[in-house]
Amino acid sequence: MAVKIRLARGGAKKKPFYQVVVADERFPRDGRFIAKLGQYDPKVDPPMVNLKEDLTLEWLRKGAQPTDTVRSLLRGSGIWAKFKEQQQGA
């Protein structure tokens, strides 16, 4: 079972809103998930990224693989750098 950190879409047509979730890669995009890590709203300026840092780092340490989009959000919020720092120290 591969676990991914990915976006689950919500919101109305032409007004997307995303939740950053941890899910088994076999589950549908907007289907069942294991944990909710935060939110991403690309429609506001600047885009709103709200993540639970400690929970996100915990799932990354457990081996959850972020998608490319989520990885860029993690880089922008500084969580990816903290994760890489922790890996170097271990």
N, C-alpha and C. Protein backbone atom coordinates (compact mmCIF):
# COMPACT_ATOMS: atom_id res chain seq x y z
N MET A 1 0.85 -1.19 0.00
CA MET A 1 0.00 0.00 0.00
C MET A 1 0.90 1.25 0.00
N ALA A 2 0.72 2.08 -1.00
CA ALA A 2 1.48 3.33 -1.09
C ALA A 2 0.59 4.47 -0.60
N VAL A 3 1.15 5.28 0.27
CA VAL A 3 0.40 6.40 0.84
C VAL A 3 0.91 7.69 0.21
N LYS A 4 -0.03 8.52 -0.25
CA LYS A 4 0.31 9.78 -0.91
C LYS A 4 -0.25 10.95 -0.13
N ILE A 5 0.46 12.07 -0.21
CA ILE A 5 -0.08 13.35 0.28
C ILE A 5 -0.50 14.08 -0.98
N ARG A 6 -1.80 14.36 -1.10
CA ARG A 6 -2.31 14.95 -2.34
C ARG A 6 -3.46 15.90 -2.08
N LEU A 7 -3.94 16.51 -3.16
CA LEU A 7 -5.05 17.46 -3.08
C LEU A 7 -6.36 16.76 -3.36
N ALA A 8 -7.39 17.10 -2.59
CA ALA A 8 -8.76 16.64 -2.85
C ALA A 8 -9.57 17.89 -3.16
N ARG A 9 -10.23 17.91 -4.32
CA ARG A 9 -10.92 19.11 -4.78
C ARG A 9 -12.29 19.25 -4.13
N GLY A 10 -12.60 20.49 -3.80
CA GLY A 10 -13.92 20.84 -3.29
C GLY A 10 -14.34 22.14 -3.96
N GLY A 11 -15.42 22.71 -3.53
CA GLY A 11 -15.86 23.99 -4.09
C GLY A 11 -16.78 23.80 -5.28
N ALA A 12 -17.30 24.90 -5.77
CA ALA A 12 -18.24 24.88 -6.89
C ALA A 12 -17.49 24.92 -8.22
N LYS A 13 -18.24 24.80 -9.30
CA LYS A 13 -17.66 24.87 -10.63
C LYS A 13 -16.99 26.22 -10.82
N LYS A 14 -15.79 26.22 -11.36
CA LYS A 14 -14.98 27.43 -11.60
C LYS A 14 -14.50 28.11 -10.31
N LYS A 15 -14.75 27.51 -9.14
CA LYS A 15 -14.31 28.06 -7.86
C LYS A 15 -13.67 26.94 -7.04
N PRO A 16 -12.51 26.45 -7.49
CA PRO A 16 -11.90 25.31 -6.79
C PRO A 16 -11.35 25.67 -5.42
N PHE A 17 -11.42 24.70 -4.55
CA PHE A 17 -10.86 24.79 -3.21
C PHE A 17 -10.34 23.40 -2.90
N TYR A 18 -9.15 23.30 -2.36
CA TYR A 18 -8.55 22.00 -2.15
C TYR A 18 -8.24 21.74 -0.69
N GLN A 19 -8.34 20.45 -0.31
CA GLN A 19 -7.87 20.01 0.99
C GLN A 19 -6.62 19.18 0.74
N VAL A 20 -5.60 19.39 1.55
CA VAL A 20 -4.40 18.58 1.47
C VAL A 20 -4.63 17.38 2.38
N VAL A 21 -4.63 16.18 1.79
CA VAL A 21 -4.97 14.97 2.54
C VAL A 21 -3.92 13.89 2.34
N VAL A 22 -3.91 12.94 3.27
CA VAL A 22 -3.10 11.73 3.16
C VAL A 22 -4.08 10.63 2.76
N ALA A 23 -3.78 9.93 1.65
CA ALA A 23 -4.69 8.90 1.17
C ALA A 23 -3.92 7.76 0.53
N ASP A 24 -4.51 6.59 0.54
CA ASP A 24 -3.98 5.46 -0.21
C ASP A 24 -4.09 5.82 -1.68
N GLU A 25 -3.05 5.53 -2.47
CA GLU A 25 -3.06 5.94 -3.87
C GLU A 25 -4.16 5.27 -4.68
N ARG A 26 -4.73 4.18 -4.16
CA ARG A 26 -5.80 3.48 -4.88
C ARG A 26 -7.16 4.15 -4.72
N PHE A 27 -7.30 5.02 -3.73
CA PHE A 27 -8.58 5.69 -3.50
C PHE A 27 -8.80 6.78 -4.54
N PRO A 28 -10.06 7.10 -4.88
CA PRO A 28 -10.33 8.19 -5.83
C PRO A 28 -9.85 9.54 -5.29
N ARG A 29 -9.64 10.49 -6.20
CA ARG A 29 -9.10 11.81 -5.83
C ARG A 29 -9.91 12.47 -4.71
N ASP A 30 -11.22 12.48 -4.84
CA ASP A 30 -12.06 13.14 -3.84
C ASP A 30 -12.70 12.13 -2.89
N GLY A 31 -12.17 10.92 -2.86
CA GLY A 31 -12.77 9.86 -2.05
C GLY A 31 -12.22 9.81 -0.64
N ARG A 32 -12.15 8.59 -0.14
CA ARG A 32 -11.74 8.35 1.24
C ARG A 32 -10.29 8.78 1.45
N PHE A 33 -10.01 9.30 2.64
CA PHE A 33 -8.65 9.68 2.98
C PHE A 33 -8.34 9.27 4.41
N ILE A 34 -7.06 9.26 4.74
CA ILE A 34 -6.62 8.81 6.06
C ILE A 34 -6.57 9.98 7.04
N ALA A 35 -6.02 11.12 6.60
CA ALA A 35 -5.88 12.29 7.48
C ALA A 35 -5.94 13.56 6.64
N LYS A 36 -6.46 14.62 7.26
CA LYS A 36 -6.51 15.94 6.61
C LYS A 36 -5.37 16.77 7.18
N LEU A 37 -4.53 17.29 6.29
CA LEU A 37 -3.36 18.05 6.73
C LEU A 37 -3.52 19.56 6.60
N GLY A 38 -4.46 20.01 5.78
CA GLY A 38 -4.62 21.45 5.61
C GLY A 38 -5.47 21.80 4.42
N GLN A 39 -5.36 23.07 3.98
CA GLN A 39 -6.18 23.59 2.89
C GLN A 39 -5.32 24.40 1.94
N TYR A 40 -5.82 24.48 0.69
CA TYR A 40 -5.15 25.29 -0.34
C TYR A 40 -6.23 25.94 -1.17
N ASP A 41 -6.19 27.27 -1.26
CA ASP A 41 -7.15 28.03 -2.06
C ASP A 41 -6.38 28.85 -3.09
N PRO A 42 -6.38 28.40 -4.37
CA PRO A 42 -5.61 29.10 -5.39
C PRO A 42 -6.29 30.36 -5.94
N LYS A 43 -7.55 30.60 -5.59
CA LYS A 43 -8.31 31.71 -6.18
C LYS A 43 -8.07 33.05 -5.50
N VAL A 44 -7.55 33.05 -4.29
CA VAL A 44 -7.28 34.33 -3.62
C VAL A 44 -5.87 34.79 -3.99
N ASP A 45 -5.61 36.08 -3.82
CA ASP A 45 -4.30 36.61 -4.17
C ASP A 45 -3.63 37.20 -2.94
N PRO A 46 -2.55 36.68 -2.42
CA PRO A 46 -1.83 35.49 -2.89
C PRO A 46 -2.56 34.20 -2.49
N PRO A 47 -2.27 33.09 -3.18
CA PRO A 47 -2.94 31.82 -2.85
C PRO A 47 -2.77 31.46 -1.38
N MET A 48 -3.84 30.97 -0.76
CA MET A 48 -3.83 30.63 0.66
C MET A 48 -3.40 29.17 0.84
N VAL A 49 -2.35 28.96 1.62
CA VAL A 49 -1.90 27.61 1.97
C VAL A 49 -1.88 27.54 3.49
N ASN A 50 -2.65 26.63 4.04
CA ASN A 50 -2.77 26.50 5.49
C ASN A 50 -2.54 25.02 5.82
N LEU A 51 -1.36 24.69 6.37
CA LEU A 51 -1.01 23.30 6.67
C LEU A 51 -0.69 23.11 8.14
N LYS A 52 -1.02 21.93 8.66
CA LYS A 52 -0.63 21.56 10.02
C LYS A 52 0.79 21.01 9.92
N GLU A 53 1.75 21.83 10.31
CA GLU A 53 3.16 21.51 10.10
C GLU A 53 3.60 20.23 10.80
N ASP A 54 3.25 20.08 12.08
CA ASP A 54 3.70 18.91 12.83
C ASP A 54 3.12 17.61 12.26
N LEU A 55 1.85 17.63 11.88
CA LEU A 55 1.20 16.45 11.32
C LEU A 55 1.76 16.13 9.94
N THR A 56 2.04 17.15 9.14
CA THR A 56 2.62 16.94 7.81
C THR A 56 4.00 16.32 7.92
N LEU A 57 4.84 16.84 8.81
CA LEU A 57 6.17 16.28 9.02
C LEU A 57 6.11 14.84 9.50
N GLU A 58 5.15 14.55 10.36
CA GLU A 58 4.98 13.18 10.86
C GLU A 58 4.70 12.21 9.72
N TRP A 59 3.78 12.60 8.81
CA TRP A 59 3.44 11.72 7.69
C TRP A 59 4.60 11.59 6.71
N LEU A 60 5.36 12.65 6.50
CA LEU A 60 6.53 12.57 5.63
C LEU A 60 7.56 11.61 6.23
N ARG A 61 7.76 11.66 7.55
CA ARG A 61 8.69 10.75 8.21
C ARG A 61 8.22 9.30 8.09
N LYS A 62 6.91 9.09 8.09
CA LYS A 62 6.35 7.74 7.95
C LYS A 62 6.48 7.20 6.54
N GLY A 63 6.86 8.06 5.59
CA GLY A 63 7.08 7.59 4.23
C GLY A 63 6.02 7.98 3.22
N ALA A 64 5.08 8.84 3.59
CA ALA A 64 4.06 9.30 2.64
C ALA A 64 4.73 10.14 1.56
N GLN A 65 4.39 9.88 0.30
CA GLN A 65 5.00 10.58 -0.83
C GLN A 65 4.09 11.71 -1.31
N PRO A 66 4.57 12.96 -1.30
CA PRO A 66 3.74 14.05 -1.81
C PRO A 66 3.71 14.07 -3.34
N THR A 67 2.59 14.50 -3.90
CA THR A 67 2.52 14.70 -5.34
C THR A 67 3.35 15.93 -5.68
N ASP A 68 3.59 16.15 -6.97
CA ASP A 68 4.41 17.29 -7.39
C ASP A 68 3.83 18.61 -6.92
N THR A 69 2.51 18.77 -7.04
CA THR A 69 1.85 20.01 -6.62
C THR A 69 1.98 20.22 -5.12
N VAL A 70 1.74 19.17 -4.35
CA VAL A 70 1.83 19.28 -2.90
C VAL A 70 3.28 19.55 -2.49
N ARG A 71 4.24 18.94 -3.18
CA ARG A 71 5.65 19.20 -2.86
C ARG A 71 5.99 20.67 -3.06
N SER A 72 5.45 21.28 -4.12
CA SER A 72 5.72 22.71 -4.33
C SER A 72 5.06 23.56 -3.24
N LEU A 73 3.88 23.16 -2.76
CA LEU A 73 3.23 23.87 -1.65
C LEU A 73 4.07 23.73 -0.37
N LEU A 74 4.62 22.54 -0.15
CA LEU A 74 5.46 22.30 1.03
C LEU A 74 6.73 23.13 0.96
N ARG A 75 7.31 23.24 -0.23
CA ARG A 75 8.50 24.07 -0.40
C ARG A 75 8.19 25.53 -0.11
N GLY A 76 7.07 26.01 -0.60
CA GLY A 76 6.68 27.40 -0.40
C GLY A 76 6.43 27.74 1.05
N SER A 77 5.94 26.76 1.82
CA SER A 77 5.65 27.01 3.23
C SER A 77 6.84 26.72 4.14
N GLY A 78 7.92 26.15 3.58
CA GLY A 78 9.11 25.87 4.37
C GLY A 78 9.11 24.52 5.05
N ILE A 79 8.05 23.75 4.92
CA ILE A 79 7.96 22.45 5.59
C ILE A 79 8.91 21.45 4.93
N TRP A 80 9.05 21.51 3.61
CA TRP A 80 9.91 20.57 2.89
C TRP A 80 11.37 20.73 3.35
N ALA A 81 11.81 21.98 3.54
CA ALA A 81 13.18 22.22 3.99
C ALA A 81 13.40 21.64 5.39
N LYS A 82 12.42 21.78 6.28
CA LYS A 82 12.53 21.21 7.63
C LYS A 82 12.61 19.70 7.58
N PHE A 83 11.82 19.10 6.68
CA PHE A 83 11.83 17.65 6.52
C PHE A 83 13.19 17.17 6.04
N LYS A 84 13.75 17.84 5.03
CA LYS A 84 15.06 17.46 4.50
C LYS A 84 16.15 17.65 5.55
N GLU A 85 16.01 18.71 6.35
CA GLU A 85 16.96 18.98 7.44
C GLU A 85 16.95 17.84 8.45
N GLN A 86 15.75 17.37 8.80
CA GLN A 86 15.60 16.28 9.76
C GLN A 86 16.19 14.99 9.20
N GLN A 87 16.04 14.77 7.89
CA GLN A 87 16.59 13.58 7.27
C GLN A 87 18.12 13.60 7.30
N GLN A 88 18.71 14.76 7.10
CA GLN A 88 20.17 14.89 7.13
C GLN A 88 20.71 14.62 8.52
N GLY A 89 19.96 15.06 9.54
CA GLY A 89 20.39 14.87 10.92
C GLY A 89 20.27 13.43 11.41
N ALA A 90 19.39 12.66 10.79
CA ALA A 90 19.15 11.29 11.24
C ALA A 90 20.19 10.31 10.77
